[in-house]
Amino acid sequence: MIIHIFPPMEPDPDTFFAALAHPLRLRALLLLQGEGELCVCELTHALDVSQPMISRHLAQLRQAGVVSDRRRGQWVYYRLHEHLPDWARQVLAATLSGVAGQVPYADDSAALANMPNRPATACCA
């Protein structure tokens, strides 16, 4: 039996905006927009949620074609999907710019910046 795994198609506007409709997914996406790539442990810390909760939302974003992941040992890192259309990237960039300094987005960024043992040092290496 041959199994073909195709990369997800780029999301259409309905799928993309539905992915942004949940506050936790939007907050995670804005962190990814600002940081480029984050480990699940960084997202759990910054968003103050459990690993199963963030993983469930990240799986929905991955299925929608909005993010992609990569494994490094036991750790999983997420980033915006490389095939995310320019219009979708522009929406995220404008949203990040528009909410700069607002709660909870500023708190998320501050929590991430103050996270001890970030992956580059010890957490996920």
C-alpha atoms as a PDB file:
ATOM      1  CA  MET A   1       0.000   0.000   0.000  1.00  0.00           C
ATOM      2  CA  ILE A   2       1.381   3.388  -1.018  1.00  0.00           C
ATOM      3  CA  ILE A   3       0.388   6.409   1.000  1.00  0.00           C
ATOM      4  CA  HIS A   4       0.815   9.809  -0.586  1.00  0.00           C
ATOM      5  CA  ILE A   5       1.117  12.749   1.737  1.00  0.00           C
ATOM      6  CA  PHE A   6       0.527  16.048   0.012  1.00  0.00           C
ATOM      7  CA  PRO A   7       1.322  19.403   1.554  1.00  0.00           C
ATOM      8  CA  PRO A   8      -1.796  21.286   2.608  1.00  0.00           C
ATOM      9  CA  MET A   9      -3.204  23.643   0.043  1.00  0.00           C
ATOM     10  CA  GLU A  10      -2.996  27.262   0.970  1.00  0.00           C
ATOM     11  CA  PRO A  11      -6.002  28.264   3.026  1.00  0.00           C
ATOM     12  CA  ASP A  12      -8.864  30.093   1.405  1.00  0.00           C
ATOM     13  CA  PRO A  13     -10.143  33.223   3.190  1.00  0.00           C
ATOM     14  CA  ASP A  14     -12.943  31.344   4.985  1.00  0.00           C
ATOM     15  CA  THR A  15     -10.526  28.755   6.395  1.00  0.00           C
ATOM     16  CA  PHE A  16      -7.920  31.369   7.303  1.00  0.00           C
ATOM     17  CA  PHE A  17     -10.308  33.683   9.144  1.00  0.00           C
ATOM     18  CA  ALA A  18     -11.983  30.749  10.888  1.00  0.00           C
ATOM     19  CA  ALA A  19      -8.523  29.788  12.187  1.00  0.00           C
ATOM     20  CA  LEU A  20      -8.083  33.309  13.566  1.00  0.00           C
ATOM     21  CA  ALA A  21     -11.531  33.322  15.177  1.00  0.00           C
ATOM     22  CA  HIS A  22     -10.425  31.624  18.402  1.00  0.00           C
ATOM     23  CA  PRO A  23      -8.535  34.008  20.737  1.00  0.00           C
ATOM     24  CA  LEU A  24      -5.887  31.432  21.688  1.00  0.00           C
ATOM     25  CA  ARG A  25      -5.121  30.600  18.051  1.00  0.00           C
ATOM     26  CA  LEU A  26      -4.902  34.306  17.196  1.00  0.00           C
ATOM     27  CA  ARG A  27      -2.530  34.948  20.093  1.00  0.00           C
ATOM     28  CA  ALA A  28      -0.334  32.007  19.064  1.00  0.00           C
ATOM     29  CA  LEU A  29      -0.275  33.178  15.449  1.00  0.00           C
ATOM     30  CA  LEU A  30       0.707  36.695  16.452  1.00  0.00           C
ATOM     31  CA  LEU A  31       3.573  35.322  18.544  1.00  0.00           C
ATOM     32  CA  LEU A  32       4.697  33.246  15.557  1.00  0.00           C
ATOM     33  CA  GLN A  33       4.375  36.289  13.302  1.00  0.00           C
ATOM     34  CA  GLY A  34       6.646  38.261  15.613  1.00  0.00           C
ATOM     35  CA  GLU A  35       9.135  35.529  16.500  1.00  0.00           C
ATOM     36  CA  GLY A  36       9.324  33.400  13.361  1.00  0.00           C
ATOM     37  CA  GLU A  37       9.425  30.000  15.034  1.00  0.00           C
ATOM     38  CA  LEU A  38       8.545  28.857  18.533  1.00  0.00           C
ATOM     39  CA  CYS A  39       8.690  25.607  20.444  1.00  0.00           C
ATOM     40  CA  VAL A  40       5.495  24.314  22.016  1.00  0.00           C
ATOM     41  CA  CYS A  41       7.065  24.935  25.439  1.00  0.00           C
ATOM     42  CA  GLU A  42       7.506  28.622  24.575  1.00  0.00           C
ATOM     43  CA  LEU A  43       3.884  28.909  23.499  1.00  0.00           C
ATOM     44  CA  THR A  44       2.613  27.199  26.649  1.00  0.00           C
ATOM     45  CA  HIS A  45       4.678  29.564  28.771  1.00  0.00           C
ATOM     46  CA  ALA A  46       3.797  32.769  26.914  1.00  0.00           C
ATOM     47  CA  LEU A  47       0.081  31.973  26.650  1.00  0.00           C
ATOM     48  CA  ASP A  48      -0.150  30.391  30.120  1.00  0.00           C
ATOM     49  CA  VAL A  49      -1.985  27.305  28.870  1.00  0.00           C
ATOM     50  CA  SER A  50      -1.415  23.572  29.133  1.00  0.00           C
ATOM     51  CA  GLN A  51       0.534  21.652  26.520  1.00  0.00           C
ATOM     52  CA  PRO A  52      -2.487  19.575  25.435  1.00  0.00           C
ATOM     53  CA  MET A  53      -4.576  22.721  24.956  1.00  0.00           C
ATOM     54  CA  ILE A  54      -2.027  24.564  22.797  1.00  0.00           C
ATOM     55  CA  SER A  55      -1.224  21.384  20.868  1.00  0.00           C
ATOM     56  CA  ARG A  56      -4.902  20.941  19.986  1.00  0.00           C
ATOM     57  CA  HIS A  57      -5.113  24.488  18.658  1.00  0.00           C
ATOM     58  CA  LEU A  58      -1.820  24.182  16.793  1.00  0.00           C
ATOM     59  CA  ALA A  59      -3.097  20.982  15.173  1.00  0.00           C
ATOM     60  CA  GLN A  60      -6.143  22.899  13.930  1.00  0.00           C
ATOM     61  CA  LEU A  61      -3.897  25.614  12.513  1.00  0.00           C
ATOM     62  CA  ARG A  62      -1.690  22.980  10.864  1.00  0.00           C
ATOM     63  CA  GLN A  63      -4.712  21.213   9.327  1.00  0.00           C
ATOM     64  CA  ALA A  64      -5.918  24.564   7.988  1.00  0.00           C
ATOM     65  CA  GLY A  65      -2.534  25.116   6.301  1.00  0.00           C
ATOM     66  CA  VAL A  66      -1.729  28.193   8.387  1.00  0.00           C
ATOM     67  CA  VAL A  67       1.271  26.789  10.289  1.00  0.00           C
ATOM     68  CA  SER A  68       3.797  24.033   9.771  1.00  0.00           C
ATOM     69  CA  ASP A  69       5.836  22.138  12.297  1.00  0.00           C
ATOM     70  CA  ARG A  70       9.174  20.409  12.589  1.00  0.00           C
ATOM     71  CA  ARG A  71      10.515  18.020  15.178  1.00  0.00           C
ATOM     72  CA  ARG A  72      13.863  18.277  16.856  1.00  0.00           C
ATOM     73  CA  GLY A  73      14.221  15.306  19.153  1.00  0.00           C
ATOM     74  CA  GLN A  74      11.191  15.251  21.399  1.00  0.00           C
ATOM     75  CA  TRP A  75      10.372  18.913  20.801  1.00  0.00           C
ATOM     76  CA  VAL A  76       8.049  20.365  18.177  1.00  0.00           C
ATOM     77  CA  TYR A  77       8.556  23.807  16.693  1.00  0.00           C
ATOM     78  CA  TYR A  78       5.919  25.796  14.820  1.00  0.00           C
ATOM     79  CA  ARG A  79       6.101  28.589  12.260  1.00  0.00           C
ATOM     80  CA  LEU A  80       3.800  30.191   9.738  1.00  0.00           C
ATOM     81  CA  HIS A  81       3.410  27.843   6.790  1.00  0.00           C
ATOM     82  CA  GLU A  82       5.838  28.647   3.991  1.00  0.00           C
ATOM     83  CA  HIS A  83       2.980  28.548   1.453  1.00  0.00           C
ATOM     84  CA  LEU A  84       0.783  30.950   3.410  1.00  0.00           C
ATOM     85  CA  PRO A  85      -0.386  33.504   0.822  1.00  0.00           C
ATOM     86  CA  ASP A  86       0.921  37.043   0.948  1.00  0.00           C
ATOM     87  CA  TRP A  87      -2.538  38.437   1.709  1.00  0.00           C
ATOM     88  CA  ALA A  88      -2.738  36.225   4.820  1.00  0.00           C
ATOM     89  CA  ARG A  89       0.750  37.263   5.959  1.00  0.00           C
ATOM     90  CA  GLN A  90      -0.249  40.895   5.498  1.00  0.00           C
ATOM     91  CA  VAL A  91      -3.344  40.360   7.659  1.00  0.00           C
ATOM     92  CA  LEU A  92      -1.202  38.897  10.444  1.00  0.00           C
ATOM     93  CA  ALA A  93       1.427  41.645  10.150  1.00  0.00           C
ATOM     94  CA  ALA A  94      -1.224  44.393  10.238  1.00  0.00           C
ATOM     95  CA  THR A  95      -2.965  42.734  13.184  1.00  0.00           C
ATOM     96  CA  LEU A  96       0.292  42.408  15.122  1.00  0.00           C
ATOM     97  CA  SER A  97       1.093  46.053  14.442  1.00  0.00           C
ATOM     98  CA  GLY A  98      -2.418  47.149  15.372  1.00  0.00           C
ATOM     99  CA  VAL A  99      -2.523  45.363  18.724  1.00  0.00           C
ATOM    100  CA  ALA A 100       1.010  46.239  19.821  1.00  0.00           C
ATOM    101  CA  GLY A 101       0.919  47.231  23.462  1.00  0.00           C
ATOM    102  CA  GLN A 102      -2.608  45.908  24.053  1.00  0.00           C
ATOM    103  CA  VAL A 103      -3.601  43.216  26.543  1.00  0.00           C
ATOM    104  CA  PRO A 104      -3.258  40.239  26.193  1.00  0.00           C
ATOM    105  CA  TYR A 105      -0.850  40.485  23.246  1.00  0.00           C
ATOM    106  CA  ALA A 106       1.732  42.642  25.027  1.00  0.00           C
ATOM    107  CA  ASP A 107       1.547  40.326  28.042  1.00  0.00           C
ATOM    108  CA  ASP A 108       2.164  37.306  25.802  1.00  0.00           C
ATOM    109  CA  SER A 109       5.263  38.912  24.281  1.00  0.00           C
ATOM    110  CA  ALA A 110       6.549  39.995  27.691  1.00  0.00           C
ATOM    111  CA  ALA A 111       6.034  36.511  29.151  1.00  0.00           C
ATOM    112  CA  LEU A 112       7.938  35.014  26.234  1.00  0.00           C
ATOM    113  CA  ALA A 113      10.753  37.529  26.547  1.00  0.00           C
ATOM    114  CA  ASN A 114      11.058  36.790  30.265  1.00  0.00           C
ATOM    115  CA  MET A 115      10.851  33.007  29.936  1.00  0.00           C
ATOM    116  CA  PRO A 116      13.740  31.329  31.710  1.00  0.00           C
ATOM    117  CA  ASN A 117      15.581  28.564  29.878  1.00  0.00           C
ATOM    118  CA  ARG A 118      14.207  29.274  26.424  1.00  0.00           C
ATOM    119  CA  PRO A 119      14.977  26.610  23.814  1.00  0.00           C
ATOM    120  CA  ALA A 120      18.206  28.238  22.701  1.00  0.00           C
ATOM    121  CA  THR A 121      19.552  27.667  26.203  1.00  0.00           C
ATOM    122  CA  ALA A 122      18.061  24.627  27.899  1.00  0.00           C
ATOM    123  CA  CYS A 123      14.306  24.062  27.686  1.00  0.00           C
ATOM    124  CA  CYS A 124      14.036  22.267  24.412  1.00  0.00           C
ATOM    125  CA  ALA A 125      17.586  21.804  23.196  1.00  0.00           C
END
